[in-house]
Amino acid sequence: MNDLLKIGLVSISDRASTGVYEDKGIPALEAWFGRALSSPWQMAKRLIPDEQAAIEATLIELCDVAGCHLVLTTGGTGPAPRDVTPEATLAVAHKVMPGFGEQMRQISLAFVPTAILSRQMGVIRGQSLILNLPGQPKAIAETLEGLKDAEGVQKVPGIFAAVPYCIDLIGGPYIETRDEVVKAFRPKSAIRPKA
């Protein structure tokens, strides 16, 4: 793998995938990565319905065929009958990374008590990290960046702070972020000098 980070974005929605309304998850993620990353990256985007077989096939294709180092899903993580994103994610996982789901719920609980209804998770498939994110653009940014106080000081870390080092550990490219958006955390021994 080279230094180009490949990101797969999957928006999971019956209504958006059939054109009933416009998908907002993928544009929100594209904009966020444009602000957050200082190292090179490219995206592969998919808009699919809440069908477990389709979600599994899409995740496998993005990881195994497209070679995405990071795959982010939005939507389908609640308790409703059609919310099957976590089941599909678990079905294709080689390793479960429970800390990601725990942290996403902790962040969201600062905003809404219904965050406990979320079943978001993180898993590894081969050399790919798959994360289930919320569906709303505001919640996506909060989850990735974490909670900051009025002065901009980090109160609760967002999940993306740990993503670059996780990608390092599974054999992906070295990801650099813009600290004003999200500061990547690595042990001192894993930090490369700035080019």
Protein backbone atom coordinates (compact mmCIF):
# COMPACT_ATOMS: atom_id res chain seq x y z
CA MET A 1 0.00 0.00 0.00
CA ASN A 2 1.25 3.51 -0.77
CA ASP A 3 0.79 6.85 1.03
CA LEU A 4 -2.59 7.57 -0.54
CA LEU A 5 -5.40 6.98 1.96
CA LYS A 6 -8.39 5.34 0.29
CA ILE A 7 -11.67 6.07 2.07
CA GLY A 8 -14.92 4.26 1.31
CA LEU A 9 -18.13 6.12 2.18
CA VAL A 10 -21.38 4.18 2.38
CA SER A 11 -24.67 5.94 2.99
CA ILE A 12 -27.33 3.42 3.96
CA SER A 13 -30.88 4.64 3.42
CA ASP A 14 -33.91 3.15 1.68
CA ARG A 15 -35.34 6.57 0.86
CA ALA A 16 -32.12 8.33 -0.21
CA SER A 17 -31.07 5.36 -2.37
CA THR A 18 -34.37 5.55 -4.29
CA GLY A 19 -34.28 9.34 -4.67
CA VAL A 20 -37.09 10.15 -2.20
CA TYR A 21 -34.74 12.65 -0.55
CA GLU A 22 -31.18 13.83 -0.99
CA ASP A 23 -28.42 12.00 0.87
CA LYS A 24 -26.66 14.32 3.32
CA GLY A 25 -24.23 11.84 4.92
CA ILE A 26 -21.72 11.46 2.08
CA PRO A 27 -21.47 15.23 1.32
CA ALA A 28 -20.98 15.92 5.05
CA LEU A 29 -18.17 13.35 5.24
CA GLU A 30 -16.50 14.66 2.09
CA ALA A 31 -16.52 18.19 3.50
CA TRP A 32 -15.22 17.01 6.88
CA PHE A 33 -12.30 15.10 5.37
CA GLY A 34 -11.50 18.14 3.21
CA ARG A 35 -11.08 20.14 6.42
CA ALA A 36 -9.48 17.45 8.57
CA LEU A 37 -6.81 15.70 6.46
CA SER A 38 -3.50 17.21 5.38
CA SER A 39 -2.14 14.01 3.80
CA PRO A 40 -3.34 12.74 0.38
CA TRP A 41 -6.64 10.85 0.15
CA GLN A 42 -9.30 9.75 -2.30
CA MET A 43 -12.86 8.50 -1.90
CA ALA A 44 -15.12 5.76 -3.20
CA LYS A 45 -18.82 6.52 -2.58
CA ARG A 46 -21.82 4.20 -2.40
CA LEU A 47 -25.50 4.96 -1.72
CA ILE A 48 -27.42 1.78 -0.91
CA PRO A 49 -30.70 0.63 0.72
CA ASP A 50 -31.06 -0.88 4.21
CA GLU A 51 -30.58 -4.46 2.99
CA GLN A 52 -28.14 -6.61 4.95
CA ALA A 53 -26.88 -8.56 1.92
CA ALA A 54 -26.26 -5.33 -0.03
CA ILE A 55 -24.44 -3.73 2.91
CA GLU A 56 -22.23 -6.81 3.39
CA ALA A 57 -21.43 -6.99 -0.35
CA THR A 58 -20.60 -3.27 -0.45
CA LEU A 59 -18.31 -3.45 2.59
CA ILE A 60 -16.50 -6.49 1.18
CA GLU A 61 -16.10 -4.80 -2.23
CA LEU A 62 -14.72 -1.58 -0.72
CA CYS A 63 -12.26 -3.46 1.52
CA ASP A 64 -11.18 -6.38 -0.65
CA VAL A 65 -11.52 -5.05 -4.21
CA ALA A 66 -11.29 -1.24 -4.01
CA GLY A 67 -8.57 -1.49 -1.33
CA CYS A 68 -10.04 1.13 1.01
CA HIS A 69 -8.05 1.53 4.22
CA LEU A 70 -10.98 3.19 5.97
CA VAL A 71 -14.69 2.55 5.31
CA LEU A 72 -17.31 4.74 6.97
CA THR A 73 -21.01 3.97 6.95
CA THR A 74 -23.80 6.38 7.86
CA GLY A 75 -27.31 5.31 8.78
CA GLY A 76 -29.06 2.13 9.83
CA THR A 77 -27.65 1.75 13.36
CA GLY A 78 -30.78 2.22 15.49
CA PRO A 79 -33.28 -0.29 16.87
CA ALA A 80 -35.81 -0.10 14.00
CA PRO A 81 -36.50 -3.34 12.08
CA ARG A 82 -34.76 -2.03 8.91
CA ASP A 83 -31.62 -0.90 10.83
CA VAL A 84 -29.20 -3.72 9.98
CA THR A 85 -25.89 -1.91 9.45
CA PRO A 86 -24.27 -3.33 12.64
CA GLU A 87 -25.32 -6.89 11.73
CA ALA A 88 -23.86 -6.50 8.24
CA THR A 89 -20.67 -4.97 9.65
CA LEU A 90 -20.21 -7.82 12.15
CA ALA A 91 -20.83 -10.39 9.43
CA VAL A 92 -17.82 -9.17 7.40
CA ALA A 93 -15.52 -8.44 10.38
CA HIS A 94 -12.29 -10.22 11.19
CA LYS A 95 -11.83 -8.30 14.48
CA VAL A 96 -14.23 -6.22 16.55
CA MET A 97 -12.97 -2.89 17.92
CA PRO A 98 -15.56 -2.13 20.66
CA GLY A 99 -13.91 1.10 21.83
CA PHE A 100 -15.12 2.96 18.74
CA GLY A 101 -18.80 2.28 19.44
CA GLU A 102 -18.37 3.05 23.14
CA GLN A 103 -16.75 6.42 22.38
CA MET A 104 -19.34 7.36 19.73
CA ARG A 105 -22.15 6.80 22.23
CA GLN A 106 -20.30 8.71 24.95
CA ILE A 107 -19.96 11.73 22.65
CA SER A 108 -23.56 11.59 21.46
CA LEU A 109 -24.90 11.25 25.02
CA ALA A 110 -23.63 14.78 25.69
CA PHE A 111 -26.22 15.96 23.16
CA VAL A 112 -29.17 13.52 23.24
CA PRO A 113 -30.33 10.85 25.72
CA THR A 114 -31.39 8.63 22.80
CA ALA A 115 -27.69 8.02 22.00
CA ILE A 116 -28.06 4.82 24.05
CA LEU A 117 -30.27 3.48 21.24
CA SER A 118 -27.35 3.61 18.79
CA ARG A 119 -25.60 0.35 17.89
CA GLN A 120 -22.64 1.89 16.03
CA MET A 121 -19.44 -0.14 15.99
CA GLY A 122 -15.94 -0.40 14.62
CA VAL A 123 -14.38 -3.50 13.09
CA ILE A 124 -11.35 -4.55 11.10
CA ARG A 125 -11.56 -6.58 7.91
CA GLY A 126 -8.10 -7.50 6.61
CA GLN A 127 -6.22 -4.19 6.31
CA SER A 128 -9.37 -2.06 6.47
CA LEU A 129 -11.02 -0.28 9.39
CA ILE A 130 -14.83 -0.07 9.12
CA LEU A 131 -16.72 2.42 11.30
CA ASN A 132 -20.49 2.90 11.59
CA LEU A 133 -21.25 6.62 12.00
CA PRO A 134 -24.50 8.45 12.75
CA GLY A 135 -26.66 9.58 9.83
CA GLN A 136 -27.01 13.30 10.63
CA PRO A 137 -24.22 15.64 9.38
CA LYS A 138 -23.96 17.50 12.72
CA ALA A 139 -23.67 14.20 14.63
CA ILE A 140 -21.09 12.90 12.13
CA ALA A 141 -18.79 15.88 12.80
CA GLU A 142 -19.31 15.67 16.58
CA THR A 143 -18.49 11.96 16.58
CA LEU A 144 -15.32 12.39 14.52
CA GLU A 145 -14.04 15.55 16.27
CA GLY A 146 -15.29 15.05 19.84
CA LEU A 147 -16.49 17.66 22.31
CA LYS A 148 -14.80 21.01 22.76
CA ASP A 149 -15.58 23.74 25.27
CA ALA A 150 -16.37 27.37 24.35
CA GLU A 151 -12.63 28.12 24.03
CA GLY A 152 -12.11 25.17 21.67
CA VAL A 153 -10.31 23.01 24.25
CA GLN A 154 -10.94 19.28 23.79
CA LYS A 155 -13.20 17.87 26.54
CA VAL A 156 -13.94 14.43 25.04
CA PRO A 157 -11.81 13.09 22.17
CA GLY A 158 -13.53 12.26 18.91
CA ILE A 159 -13.04 8.83 17.42
CA PHE A 160 -10.90 10.08 14.53
CA ALA A 161 -8.04 10.93 16.93
CA ALA A 162 -7.35 7.18 17.14
CA VAL A 163 -7.98 6.30 13.48
CA PRO A 164 -4.56 7.23 11.99
CA TYR A 165 -2.66 5.07 14.48
CA CYS A 166 -5.11 2.20 14.00
CA ILE A 167 -4.53 2.43 10.22
CA ASP A 168 -0.74 2.39 10.91
CA LEU A 169 -1.10 -0.78 12.96
CA ILE A 170 -3.06 -2.66 10.27
CA GLY A 171 -0.62 -1.77 7.50
CA GLY A 172 -2.16 1.33 5.91
CA PRO A 173 -0.69 4.69 4.93
CA TYR A 174 0.53 7.32 7.41
CA ILE A 175 -2.35 9.78 7.89
CA GLU A 176 -1.75 13.38 8.93
CA THR A 177 -4.51 15.66 10.19
CA ARG A 178 -5.04 19.37 10.67
CA ASP A 179 -4.83 19.81 14.43
CA GLU A 180 -7.39 22.62 14.51
CA VAL A 181 -10.03 20.13 13.30
CA VAL A 182 -8.84 16.90 14.92
CA LYS A 183 -5.43 16.03 16.34
CA ALA A 184 -4.27 12.52 15.51
CA PHE A 185 -2.82 10.74 18.53
CA ARG A 186 0.13 8.37 18.22
CA PRO A 187 2.70 7.16 20.76
CA LYS A 188 5.90 9.23 20.46
CA SER A 189 7.71 6.26 18.88
CA ALA A 190 5.15 6.15 16.04
CA ILE A 191 5.28 9.86 15.08
CA ARG A 192 7.11 10.63 11.84
CA PRO A 193 8.85 13.98 11.38
CA LYS A 194 6.88 16.45 9.24
CA ALA A 195 8.05 16.48 5.63
